[in-house]
Amino acid sequence: MIAQRTLDHSIRCSGIGLHTGKKIQLVLHPAVEDSGITFCRSDMKIDIPARASYVVDTRLCTTIGRENASISTVEHLLSALSGMGIDNAYIEVDGPEVPVMDGSAAPFVFLIQCAGIREQSVAKKVLKVLKKVSVQDGDKYCALYPASGFKVSYHLDYDHPLLRDREVSIDFSRQAYTREISRARTFGFLHEIEALQKAGLALGGSLENAIVLDQYRIVNEGGLRYEDECVRHKILDTLGDLSLAGLPIVGAFEGAKTGHEMNHRLVTALLNDESAWRIETLAGEALTPKRVTEGAPQAA
């Protein structure tokens, strides 16, 4: 049996919110079997499950919310939890967004490693894709389709000399998340960042937590961590967004120019089509699908 995993003990950190520029406290806690990933706005004492039905905004980042509470920029932390195979965790955030840290998932991977990982007494459950599901908007496209293991292919194409016609494919059964993806930082264009900050957005953005490009080059003195770091960051984001299905996905993702909004539409389309998936345990037992009412499939 491949067991579910949680943290071995609680761990905390603090950092600046990318959009608010405010200091945020974050605490990761272990959680019981089959509870999944849950966020808590600790300053408001409101829990928000990390499920697709709780997504309330996908502009600039992925935001989940419930009642009058919301938490934005959840995708990097969710990506780290997914990449490290964490099934169950309870996450306290004392403000409206997860701290951006260095703009990648690596600091969250480090936190998870410091907290330790504990196997639990229940078999890991996965969401197995049974047929192709896709969404398209002009030249933007993303799809999930059946495959063994979990694979992601992403095609990036911006009108910039360093970001034209770039593609990366990762087979996570053969390649390590920590080495291939976790260190890839978010990126943006200098003129867009300046405009956002004038509008009161991206107030915490800096060269310390993002790759910044002007018309021709990368502004950061240290350059890139990977030759194709921007494409890899898109994969990092995609893993966080796909984790909102509520279970690890067994299948393949293919995306072209997609972002948080289309990723969310894809997950929703998959979950709403009961013929497109089934829940399995990694012990081999198949579970009967039932209608999704909270944004992720539930075992019957």
C-alpha atoms as a PDB file:
ATOM      1  CA  MET A   1       0.000   0.000   0.000  1.00  0.00           C
ATOM      2  CA  ILE A   2       1.176   3.509  -0.821  1.00  0.00           C
ATOM      3  CA  ALA A   3       0.071   5.556   2.158  1.00  0.00           C
ATOM      4  CA  GLN A   4      -1.334   9.054   2.432  1.00  0.00           C
ATOM      5  CA  ARG A   5       1.134  11.614   3.746  1.00  0.00           C
ATOM      6  CA  THR A   6       0.974  14.565   6.070  1.00  0.00           C
ATOM      7  CA  LEU A   7       3.514  16.724   7.888  1.00  0.00           C
ATOM      8  CA  ASP A   8       5.286  15.256  10.889  1.00  0.00           C
ATOM      9  CA  HIS A   9       4.906  18.452  12.923  1.00  0.00           C
ATOM     10  CA  SER A  10       3.807  22.074  12.563  1.00  0.00           C
ATOM     11  CA  ILE A  11       6.096  24.733  11.157  1.00  0.00           C
ATOM     12  CA  ARG A  12       5.746  28.477  10.596  1.00  0.00           C
ATOM     13  CA  CYS A  13       7.236  31.231   8.480  1.00  0.00           C
ATOM     14  CA  SER A  14       6.517  34.815   7.531  1.00  0.00           C
ATOM     15  CA  GLY A  15       6.907  36.812   4.364  1.00  0.00           C
ATOM     16  CA  ILE A  16       5.552  39.618   2.226  1.00  0.00           C
ATOM     17  CA  GLY A  17       2.341  39.320   0.236  1.00  0.00           C
ATOM     18  CA  LEU A  18       2.982  39.847  -3.476  1.00  0.00           C
ATOM     19  CA  HIS A  19      -0.112  41.957  -4.054  1.00  0.00           C
ATOM     20  CA  THR A  20      -0.685  43.686  -0.706  1.00  0.00           C
ATOM     21  CA  GLY A  21       2.968  44.162   0.234  1.00  0.00           C
ATOM     22  CA  LYS A  22       1.984  43.328   3.831  1.00  0.00           C
ATOM     23  CA  LYS A  23       3.772  40.926   6.179  1.00  0.00           C
ATOM     24  CA  ILE A  24       1.947  37.607   6.441  1.00  0.00           C
ATOM     25  CA  GLN A  25       2.340  34.790   8.985  1.00  0.00           C
ATOM     26  CA  LEU A  26       1.912  31.248   7.660  1.00  0.00           C
ATOM     27  CA  VAL A  27       1.685  28.042   9.716  1.00  0.00           C
ATOM     28  CA  LEU A  28       1.578  24.532   8.246  1.00  0.00           C
ATOM     29  CA  HIS A  29       0.034  21.795  10.420  1.00  0.00           C
ATOM     30  CA  PRO A  30      -0.404  18.037  10.063  1.00  0.00           C
ATOM     31  CA  ALA A  31      -3.962  16.878   9.322  1.00  0.00           C
ATOM     32  CA  VAL A  32      -5.878  13.608   9.623  1.00  0.00           C
ATOM     33  CA  GLU A  33      -6.351  11.059   6.863  1.00  0.00           C
ATOM     34  CA  ASP A  34      -8.725  11.915   4.006  1.00  0.00           C
ATOM     35  CA  SER A  35      -9.073  15.555   5.142  1.00  0.00           C
ATOM     36  CA  GLY A  36      -7.179  16.990   2.164  1.00  0.00           C
ATOM     37  CA  ILE A  37      -5.669  20.475   2.156  1.00  0.00           C
ATOM     38  CA  THR A  38      -7.535  23.179   4.077  1.00  0.00           C
ATOM     39  CA  PHE A  39      -6.598  26.824   4.504  1.00  0.00           C
ATOM     40  CA  CYS A  40      -7.704  28.935   7.452  1.00  0.00           C
ATOM     41  CA  ARG A  41      -7.857  32.722   7.602  1.00  0.00           C
ATOM     42  CA  SER A  42      -6.606  32.668  11.188  1.00  0.00           C
ATOM     43  CA  ASP A  43      -7.345  36.374  11.674  1.00  0.00           C
ATOM     44  CA  MET A  44     -10.998  35.665  10.808  1.00  0.00           C
ATOM     45  CA  LYS A  45     -11.237  32.032  12.008  1.00  0.00           C
ATOM     46  CA  ILE A  46     -12.745  30.850   8.709  1.00  0.00           C
ATOM     47  CA  ASP A  47     -11.687  27.606   7.018  1.00  0.00           C
ATOM     48  CA  ILE A  48     -11.444  27.456   3.223  1.00  0.00           C
ATOM     49  CA  PRO A  49     -10.937  24.020   1.625  1.00  0.00           C
ATOM     50  CA  ALA A  50      -8.436  23.913  -1.233  1.00  0.00           C
ATOM     51  CA  ARG A  51     -11.082  22.818  -3.725  1.00  0.00           C
ATOM     52  CA  ALA A  52     -12.060  24.114  -7.129  1.00  0.00           C
ATOM     53  CA  SER A  53     -15.534  25.172  -5.988  1.00  0.00           C
ATOM     54  CA  TYR A  54     -13.956  27.636  -3.540  1.00  0.00           C
ATOM     55  CA  VAL A  55     -12.022  29.505  -6.243  1.00  0.00           C
ATOM     56  CA  VAL A  56     -13.353  33.072  -6.319  1.00  0.00           C
ATOM     57  CA  ASP A  57     -10.810  34.850  -8.542  1.00  0.00           C
ATOM     58  CA  THR A  58      -8.167  33.874 -11.092  1.00  0.00           C
ATOM     59  CA  ARG A  59      -6.832  37.286 -12.102  1.00  0.00           C
ATOM     60  CA  LEU A  60      -3.041  37.490 -11.595  1.00  0.00           C
ATOM     61  CA  CYS A  61      -3.155  34.507  -9.199  1.00  0.00           C
ATOM     62  CA  THR A  62      -5.532  31.871  -7.823  1.00  0.00           C
ATOM     63  CA  THR A  63      -7.740  33.048  -4.959  1.00  0.00           C
ATOM     64  CA  ILE A  64      -9.965  30.831  -2.840  1.00  0.00           C
ATOM     65  CA  GLY A  65     -12.692  32.182  -0.602  1.00  0.00           C
ATOM     66  CA  ARG A  66     -15.631  31.425   1.636  1.00  0.00           C
ATOM     67  CA  GLU A  67     -18.170  33.742   3.263  1.00  0.00           C
ATOM     68  CA  ASN A  68     -16.356  37.083   3.553  1.00  0.00           C
ATOM     69  CA  ALA A  69     -12.838  35.596   3.739  1.00  0.00           C
ATOM     70  CA  SER A  70     -10.409  34.948   0.912  1.00  0.00           C
ATOM     71  CA  ILE A  71      -6.780  33.906   0.461  1.00  0.00           C
ATOM     72  CA  SER A  72      -4.938  34.681  -2.764  1.00  0.00           C
ATOM     73  CA  THR A  73      -1.701  33.424  -4.348  1.00  0.00           C
ATOM     74  CA  VAL A  74      -2.298  29.890  -3.071  1.00  0.00           C
ATOM     75  CA  GLU A  75      -0.850  28.199  -6.165  1.00  0.00           C
ATOM     76  CA  HIS A  76       2.849  28.147  -5.204  1.00  0.00           C
ATOM     77  CA  LEU A  77       2.229  26.560  -1.804  1.00  0.00           C
ATOM     78  CA  LEU A  78      -0.283  24.108  -3.285  1.00  0.00           C
ATOM     79  CA  SER A  79       2.273  23.230  -5.962  1.00  0.00           C
ATOM     80  CA  ALA A  80       4.879  22.453  -3.288  1.00  0.00           C
ATOM     81  CA  LEU A  81       2.446  20.308  -1.300  1.00  0.00           C
ATOM     82  CA  SER A  82       1.469  18.431  -4.456  1.00  0.00           C
ATOM     83  CA  GLY A  83       5.058  18.034  -5.611  1.00  0.00           C
ATOM     84  CA  MET A  84       6.070  16.661  -2.215  1.00  0.00           C
ATOM     85  CA  GLY A  85       3.167  14.227  -2.150  1.00  0.00           C
ATOM     86  CA  ILE A  86       1.363  15.769   0.833  1.00  0.00           C
ATOM     87  CA  ASP A  87      -2.270  14.627   0.912  1.00  0.00           C
ATOM     88  CA  ASN A  88      -3.464  16.216   4.145  1.00  0.00           C
ATOM     89  CA  ALA A  89      -2.497  19.540   5.744  1.00  0.00           C
ATOM     90  CA  TYR A  90      -4.090  22.424   7.626  1.00  0.00           C
ATOM     91  CA  ILE A  91      -2.674  25.838   6.745  1.00  0.00           C
ATOM     92  CA  GLU A  92      -3.167  29.004   8.808  1.00  0.00           C
ATOM     93  CA  VAL A  93      -2.721  32.368   7.097  1.00  0.00           C
ATOM     94  CA  ASP A  94      -3.245  35.569   9.088  1.00  0.00           C
ATOM     95  CA  GLY A  95      -3.963  37.775   6.085  1.00  0.00           C
ATOM     96  CA  PRO A  96      -5.463  37.870   2.586  1.00  0.00           C
ATOM     97  CA  GLU A  97      -2.683  36.068   0.715  1.00  0.00           C
ATOM     98  CA  VAL A  98       0.047  33.477   1.030  1.00  0.00           C
ATOM     99  CA  PRO A  99       3.483  35.127   1.263  1.00  0.00           C
ATOM    100  CA  VAL A 100       5.316  35.171  -2.060  1.00  0.00           C
ATOM    101  CA  MET A 101       8.707  34.252  -0.530  1.00  0.00           C
ATOM    102  CA  ASP A 102      11.208  34.200  -3.442  1.00  0.00           C
ATOM    103  CA  GLY A 103       8.508  33.793  -6.111  1.00  0.00           C
ATOM    104  CA  SER A 104       8.983  30.042  -6.437  1.00  0.00           C
ATOM    105  CA  ALA A 105       7.862  26.959  -4.500  1.00  0.00           C
ATOM    106  CA  ALA A 106      11.343  26.178  -3.163  1.00  0.00           C
ATOM    107  CA  PRO A 107      10.907  27.930   0.220  1.00  0.00           C
ATOM    108  CA  PHE A 108       7.698  25.951   0.809  1.00  0.00           C
ATOM    109  CA  VAL A 109       9.477  22.714  -0.155  1.00  0.00           C
ATOM    110  CA  PHE A 110      12.133  23.602   2.429  1.00  0.00           C
ATOM    111  CA  LEU A 111       9.450  24.192   5.075  1.00  0.00           C
ATOM    112  CA  ILE A 112       7.870  20.813   4.324  1.00  0.00           C
ATOM    113  CA  GLN A 113      11.248  19.114   4.522  1.00  0.00           C
ATOM    114  CA  CYS A 114      11.979  20.817   7.849  1.00  0.00           C
ATOM    115  CA  ALA A 115       8.586  19.799   9.251  1.00  0.00           C
ATOM    116  CA  GLY A 116       9.146  16.224   8.102  1.00  0.00           C
ATOM    117  CA  ILE A 117       6.726  13.972   6.249  1.00  0.00           C
ATOM    118  CA  ARG A 118       4.710  11.280   8.016  1.00  0.00           C
ATOM    119  CA  GLU A 119       2.991   8.387   6.308  1.00  0.00           C
ATOM    120  CA  GLN A 120      -0.535   7.702   7.501  1.00  0.00           C
ATOM    121  CA  SER A 121      -2.553   4.508   7.955  1.00  0.00           C
ATOM    122  CA  VAL A 122      -4.823   4.949   4.901  1.00  0.00           C
ATOM    123  CA  ALA A 123      -4.005   4.270   1.252  1.00  0.00           C
ATOM    124  CA  LYS A 124      -3.384   7.263  -1.002  1.00  0.00           C
ATOM    125  CA  LYS A 125      -6.311   8.058  -3.286  1.00  0.00           C
ATOM    126  CA  VAL A 126      -5.869   9.450  -6.790  1.00  0.00           C
ATOM    127  CA  LEU A 127      -8.128  10.870  -9.473  1.00  0.00           C
ATOM    128  CA  LYS A 128      -7.603   8.810 -12.626  1.00  0.00           C
ATOM    129  CA  VAL A 129      -8.474  10.568 -15.893  1.00  0.00           C
ATOM    130  CA  LEU A 130     -10.523   8.247 -18.128  1.00  0.00           C
ATOM    131  CA  LYS A 131     -11.070  10.401 -21.205  1.00  0.00           C
ATOM    132  CA  LYS A 132      -9.818  13.642 -22.686  1.00  0.00           C
ATOM    133  CA  VAL A 133     -11.291  16.873 -21.306  1.00  0.00           C
ATOM    134  CA  SER A 134     -10.255  20.224 -22.776  1.00  0.00           C
ATOM    135  CA  VAL A 135     -11.013  23.944 -22.810  1.00  0.00           C
ATOM    136  CA  GLN A 136     -10.026  26.485 -25.458  1.00  0.00           C
ATOM    137  CA  ASP A 137     -10.145  30.231 -25.884  1.00  0.00           C
ATOM    138  CA  GLY A 138      -8.679  31.361 -29.195  1.00  0.00           C
ATOM    139  CA  ASP A 139      -5.043  30.230 -29.260  1.00  0.00           C
ATOM    140  CA  LYS A 140      -5.126  29.379 -25.549  1.00  0.00           C
ATOM    141  CA  TYR A 141      -5.715  25.718 -24.883  1.00  0.00           C
ATOM    142  CA  CYS A 142      -5.395  23.154 -22.121  1.00  0.00           C
ATOM    143  CA  ALA A 143      -6.430  19.536 -21.721  1.00  0.00           C
ATOM    144  CA  LEU A 144      -6.238  16.520 -19.454  1.00  0.00           C
ATOM    145  CA  TYR A 145      -6.199  13.056 -20.956  1.00  0.00           C
ATOM    146  CA  PRO A 146      -5.544   9.476 -19.842  1.00  0.00           C
ATOM    147  CA  ALA A 147      -1.954   8.453 -19.148  1.00  0.00           C
ATOM    148  CA  SER A 148       0.005   6.341 -16.721  1.00  0.00           C
ATOM    149  CA  GLY A 149       1.536   8.396 -13.936  1.00  0.00           C
ATOM    150  CA  PHE A 150       1.428  12.200 -14.160  1.00  0.00           C
ATOM    151  CA  LYS A 151       2.851  14.220 -17.033  1.00  0.00           C
ATOM    152  CA  VAL A 152       2.729  17.932 -17.862  1.00  0.00           C
ATOM    153  CA  SER A 153       3.575  19.622 -21.152  1.00  0.00           C
ATOM    154  CA  TYR A 154       3.424  23.401 -21.480  1.00  0.00           C
ATOM    155  CA  HIS A 155       3.941  25.653 -24.504  1.00  0.00           C
ATOM    156  CA  LEU A 156       4.722  29.317 -23.806  1.00  0.00           C
ATOM    157  CA  ASP A 157       4.765  31.989 -26.510  1.00  0.00           C
ATOM    158  CA  TYR A 158       5.040  35.696 -25.627  1.00  0.00           C
ATOM    159  CA  ASP A 159       5.958  38.578 -27.908  1.00  0.00           C
ATOM    160  CA  HIS A 160       9.383  38.832 -26.317  1.00  0.00           C
ATOM    161  CA  PRO A 161      12.736  37.681 -27.753  1.00  0.00           C
ATOM    162  CA  LEU A 162      13.416  35.410 -24.758  1.00  0.00           C
ATOM    163  CA  LEU A 163       9.938  33.888 -24.499  1.00  0.00           C
ATOM    164  CA  ARG A 164       8.953  32.945 -28.029  1.00  0.00           C
ATOM    165  CA  ASP A 165       7.853  29.395 -28.783  1.00  0.00           C
ATOM    166  CA  ARG A 166       9.173  27.692 -25.649  1.00  0.00           C
ATOM    167  CA  GLU A 167       8.009  24.257 -24.511  1.00  0.00           C
ATOM    168  CA  VAL A 168       8.835  21.967 -21.594  1.00  0.00           C
ATOM    169  CA  SER A 169       7.513  18.480 -20.847  1.00  0.00           C
ATOM    170  CA  ILE A 170       7.935  16.786 -17.475  1.00  0.00           C
ATOM    171  CA  ASP A 171       7.118  13.181 -16.605  1.00  0.00           C
ATOM    172  CA  PHE A 172       6.856  13.220 -12.821  1.00  0.00           C
ATOM    173  CA  SER A 173       7.246   9.448 -12.622  1.00  0.00           C
ATOM    174  CA  ARG A 174      10.792   9.913 -13.952  1.00  0.00           C
ATOM    175  CA  GLN A 175      11.752  13.497 -13.067  1.00  0.00           C
ATOM    176  CA  ALA A 176      11.870  15.090  -9.620  1.00  0.00           C
ATOM    177  CA  TYR A 177       9.650  18.065  -8.785  1.00  0.00           C
ATOM    178  CA  THR A 178      12.238  19.509  -6.402  1.00  0.00           C
ATOM    179  CA  ARG A 179      14.973  19.530  -9.036  1.00  0.00           C
ATOM    180  CA  GLU A 180      13.033  20.307 -12.213  1.00  0.00           C
ATOM    181  CA  ILE A 181      10.251  22.690 -11.117  1.00  0.00           C
ATOM    182  CA  SER A 182      10.281  23.923  -7.516  1.00  0.00           C
ATOM    183  CA  ARG A 183      12.920  26.677  -7.946  1.00  0.00           C
ATOM    184  CA  ALA A 184      11.264  28.325 -10.969  1.00  0.00           C
ATOM    185  CA  ARG A 185      10.190  31.874 -10.070  1.00  0.00           C
ATOM    186  CA  THR A 186       7.194  33.878 -11.168  1.00  0.00           C
ATOM    187  CA  PHE A 187       7.907  36.396 -13.897  1.00  0.00           C
ATOM    188  CA  GLY A 188       6.572  39.656 -15.246  1.00  0.00           C
ATOM    189  CA  PHE A 189       7.303  42.483 -17.624  1.00  0.00           C
ATOM    190  CA  LEU A 190       8.716  45.718 -16.253  1.00  0.00           C
ATOM    191  CA  HIS A 191       6.099  47.976 -17.851  1.00  0.00           C
ATOM    192  CA  GLU A 192       3.246  45.787 -16.560  1.00  0.00           C
ATOM    193  CA  ILE A 193       4.636  45.671 -13.016  1.00  0.00           C
ATOM    194  CA  GLU A 194       4.997  49.447 -12.943  1.00  0.00           C
ATOM    195  CA  ALA A 195       1.392  49.842 -14.137  1.00  0.00           C
ATOM    196  CA  LEU A 196       0.104  47.355 -11.547  1.00  0.00           C
ATOM    197  CA  GLN A 197       1.917  49.108  -8.707  1.00  0.00           C
ATOM    198  CA  LYS A 198       0.535  52.472  -9.772  1.00  0.00           C
ATOM    199  CA  ALA A 199      -2.920  50.848  -9.582  1.00  0.00           C
ATOM    200  CA  GLY A 200      -2.223  49.606  -6.046  1.00  0.00           C
ATOM    201  CA  LEU A 201      -1.459  46.007  -7.086  1.00  0.00           C
ATOM    202  CA  ALA A 202       1.707  43.871  -6.928  1.00  0.00           C
ATOM    203  CA  LEU A 203       2.895  46.114  -4.093  1.00  0.00           C
ATOM    204  CA  GLY A 204       5.187  43.396  -2.750  1.00  0.00           C
ATOM    205  CA  GLY A 205       6.742  42.588  -6.122  1.00  0.00           C
ATOM    206  CA  SER A 206      10.476  43.115  -6.523  1.00  0.00           C
ATOM    207  CA  LEU A 207      13.588  41.635  -8.098  1.00  0.00           C
ATOM    208  CA  GLU A 208      13.874  39.547  -4.917  1.00  0.00           C
ATOM    209  CA  ASN A 209      10.722  37.558  -5.694  1.00  0.00           C
ATOM    210  CA  ALA A 210      10.214  37.647  -9.459  1.00  0.00           C
ATOM    211  CA  ILE A 211      11.974  37.453 -12.784  1.00  0.00           C
ATOM    212  CA  VAL A 212      11.528  40.871 -14.392  1.00  0.00           C
ATOM    213  CA  LEU A 213      11.954  41.411 -18.132  1.00  0.00           C
ATOM    214  CA  ASP A 214      12.220  44.676 -20.011  1.00  0.00           C
ATOM    215  CA  GLN A 215      11.775  44.829 -23.788  1.00  0.00           C
ATOM    216  CA  TYR A 216      14.903  42.841 -24.552  1.00  0.00           C
ATOM    217  CA  ARG A 217      16.446  41.199 -21.518  1.00  0.00           C
ATOM    218  CA  ILE A 218      16.142  39.929 -17.959  1.00  0.00           C
ATOM    219  CA  VAL A 219      16.642  42.739 -15.465  1.00  0.00           C
ATOM    220  CA  ASN A 220      17.679  40.514 -12.522  1.00  0.00           C
ATOM    221  CA  GLU A 221      21.444  40.621 -11.994  1.00  0.00           C
ATOM    222  CA  GLY A 222      21.617  36.933 -11.110  1.00  0.00           C
ATOM    223  CA  GLY A 223      19.927  35.807 -14.314  1.00  0.00           C
ATOM    224  CA  LEU A 224      17.870  32.621 -14.480  1.00  0.00           C
ATOM    225  CA  ARG A 225      17.882  29.475 -12.350  1.00  0.00           C
ATOM    226  CA  TYR A 226      16.903  27.372 -15.378  1.00  0.00           C
ATOM    227  CA  GLU A 227      17.412  28.227 -19.029  1.00  0.00           C
ATOM    228  CA  ASP A 228      13.648  27.894 -19.519  1.00  0.00           C
ATOM    229  CA  GLU A 229      12.650  29.073 -16.031  1.00  0.00           C
ATOM    230  CA  CYS A 230       9.551  30.986 -17.142  1.00  0.00           C
ATOM    231  CA  VAL A 231       8.038  27.903 -18.802  1.00  0.00           C
ATOM    232  CA  ARG A 232       8.864  25.815 -15.751  1.00  0.00           C
ATOM    233  CA  HIS A 233       7.137  28.360 -13.538  1.00  0.00           C
ATOM    234  CA  LYS A 234       4.011  27.965 -15.664  1.00  0.00           C
ATOM    235  CA  ILE A 235       4.191  24.230 -14.912  1.00  0.00           C
ATOM    236  CA  LEU A 236       4.676  25.046 -11.211  1.00  0.00           C
ATOM    237  CA  ASP A 237       1.514  27.174 -11.278  1.00  0.00           C
ATOM    238  CA  THR A 238      -0.363  24.480 -13.194  1.00  0.00           C
ATOM    239  CA  LEU A 239       0.424  21.863 -10.548  1.00  0.00           C
ATOM    240  CA  GLY A 240      -0.967  24.150  -7.859  1.00  0.00           C
ATOM    241  CA  ASP A 241      -4.116  24.838  -9.854  1.00  0.00           C
ATOM    242  CA  LEU A 242      -4.661  21.161 -10.710  1.00  0.00           C
ATOM    243  CA  SER A 243      -4.344  20.199  -7.041  1.00  0.00           C
ATOM    244  CA  LEU A 244      -7.666  21.981  -6.493  1.00  0.00           C
ATOM    245  CA  ALA A 245      -9.261  18.858  -7.963  1.00  0.00           C
ATOM    246  CA  GLY A 246      -8.879  17.613  -4.392  1.00  0.00           C
ATOM    247  CA  LEU A 247      -6.810  14.509  -5.179  1.00  0.00           C
ATOM    248  CA  PRO A 248      -3.572  13.814  -7.063  1.00  0.00           C
ATOM    249  CA  ILE A 249      -4.291  13.380 -10.767  1.00  0.00           C
ATOM    250  CA  VAL A 250      -3.206  10.340 -12.751  1.00  0.00           C
ATOM    251  CA  GLY A 251      -3.154  11.539 -16.330  1.00  0.00           C
ATOM    252  CA  ALA A 252      -1.452  14.029 -18.615  1.00  0.00           C
ATOM    253  CA  PHE A 253      -1.870  17.800 -18.879  1.00  0.00           C
ATOM    254  CA  GLU A 254      -1.170  19.700 -22.063  1.00  0.00           C
ATOM    255  CA  GLY A 255      -1.317  23.493 -22.082  1.00  0.00           C
ATOM    256  CA  ALA A 256      -0.588  26.319 -24.487  1.00  0.00           C
ATOM    257  CA  LYS A 257      -0.623  29.938 -23.263  1.00  0.00           C
ATOM    258  CA  THR A 258      -2.978  28.943 -20.468  1.00  0.00           C
ATOM    259  CA  GLY A 259      -3.117  30.504 -17.003  1.00  0.00           C
ATOM    260  CA  HIS A 260      -5.041  30.295 -13.745  1.00  0.00           C
ATOM    261  CA  GLU A 261      -8.433  31.059 -15.261  1.00  0.00           C
ATOM    262  CA  MET A 262      -8.281  28.339 -17.895  1.00  0.00           C
ATOM    263  CA  ASN A 263      -6.688  25.855 -15.509  1.00  0.00           C
ATOM    264  CA  HIS A 264      -9.646  26.380 -13.194  1.00  0.00           C
ATOM    265  CA  ARG A 265     -12.098  25.935 -16.052  1.00  0.00           C
ATOM    266  CA  LEU A 266     -10.366  22.693 -17.002  1.00  0.00           C
ATOM    267  CA  VAL A 267     -10.495  21.243 -13.477  1.00  0.00           C
ATOM    268  CA  THR A 268     -14.162  22.221 -13.197  1.00  0.00           C
ATOM    269  CA  ALA A 269     -14.966  20.632 -16.572  1.00  0.00           C
ATOM    270  CA  LEU A 270     -13.236  17.416 -15.529  1.00  0.00           C
ATOM    271  CA  LEU A 271     -14.999  17.180 -12.170  1.00  0.00           C
ATOM    272  CA  ASN A 272     -18.402  17.943 -13.661  1.00  0.00           C
ATOM    273  CA  ASP A 273     -18.121  15.051 -16.131  1.00  0.00           C
ATOM    274  CA  GLU A 274     -18.558  11.892 -14.062  1.00  0.00           C
ATOM    275  CA  SER A 275     -17.579   9.734 -17.036  1.00  0.00           C
ATOM    276  CA  ALA A 276     -14.173  11.428 -17.268  1.00  0.00           C
ATOM    277  CA  TRP A 277     -12.666  10.215 -14.005  1.00  0.00           C
ATOM    278  CA  ARG A 278     -12.742   7.686 -11.230  1.00  0.00           C
ATOM    279  CA  ILE A 279     -11.144   7.533  -7.808  1.00  0.00           C
ATOM    280  CA  GLU A 280      -8.644   4.775  -7.177  1.00  0.00           C
ATOM    281  CA  THR A 281      -6.445   3.934  -4.244  1.00  0.00           C
ATOM    282  CA  LEU A 282      -2.827   3.155  -4.953  1.00  0.00           C
ATOM    283  CA  ALA A 283      -3.473  -0.213  -3.355  1.00  0.00           C
ATOM    284  CA  GLY A 284      -5.453  -0.925  -6.528  1.00  0.00           C
ATOM    285  CA  GLU A 285      -9.003  -0.602  -5.226  1.00  0.00           C
ATOM    286  CA  ALA A 286     -11.413   1.339  -7.451  1.00  0.00           C
ATOM    287  CA  LEU A 287     -13.990   3.590  -5.817  1.00  0.00           C
ATOM    288  CA  THR A 288     -17.321   4.494  -7.374  1.00  0.00           C
ATOM    289  CA  PRO A 289     -17.616   8.125  -8.522  1.00  0.00           C
ATOM    290  CA  LYS A 290     -20.468  10.227  -7.205  1.00  0.00           C
ATOM    291  CA  ARG A 291     -21.491  13.740  -8.129  1.00  0.00           C
ATOM    292  CA  VAL A 292     -19.114  16.487  -7.134  1.00  0.00           C
ATOM    293  CA  THR A 293     -20.792  18.962  -4.798  1.00  0.00           C
ATOM    294  CA  GLU A 294     -17.757  20.652  -3.215  1.00  0.00           C
ATOM    295  CA  GLY A 295     -15.484  20.996  -6.210  1.00  0.00           C
ATOM    296  CA  ALA A 296     -13.683  17.661  -5.844  1.00  0.00           C
ATOM    297  CA  PRO A 297     -14.764  14.033  -6.148  1.00  0.00           C
ATOM    298  CA  GLN A 298     -15.732  12.193  -2.993  1.00  0.00           C
ATOM    299  CA  ALA A 299     -15.470   8.480  -2.463  1.00  0.00           C
ATOM    300  CA  ALA A 300     -18.808   6.695  -2.237  1.00  0.00           C
END
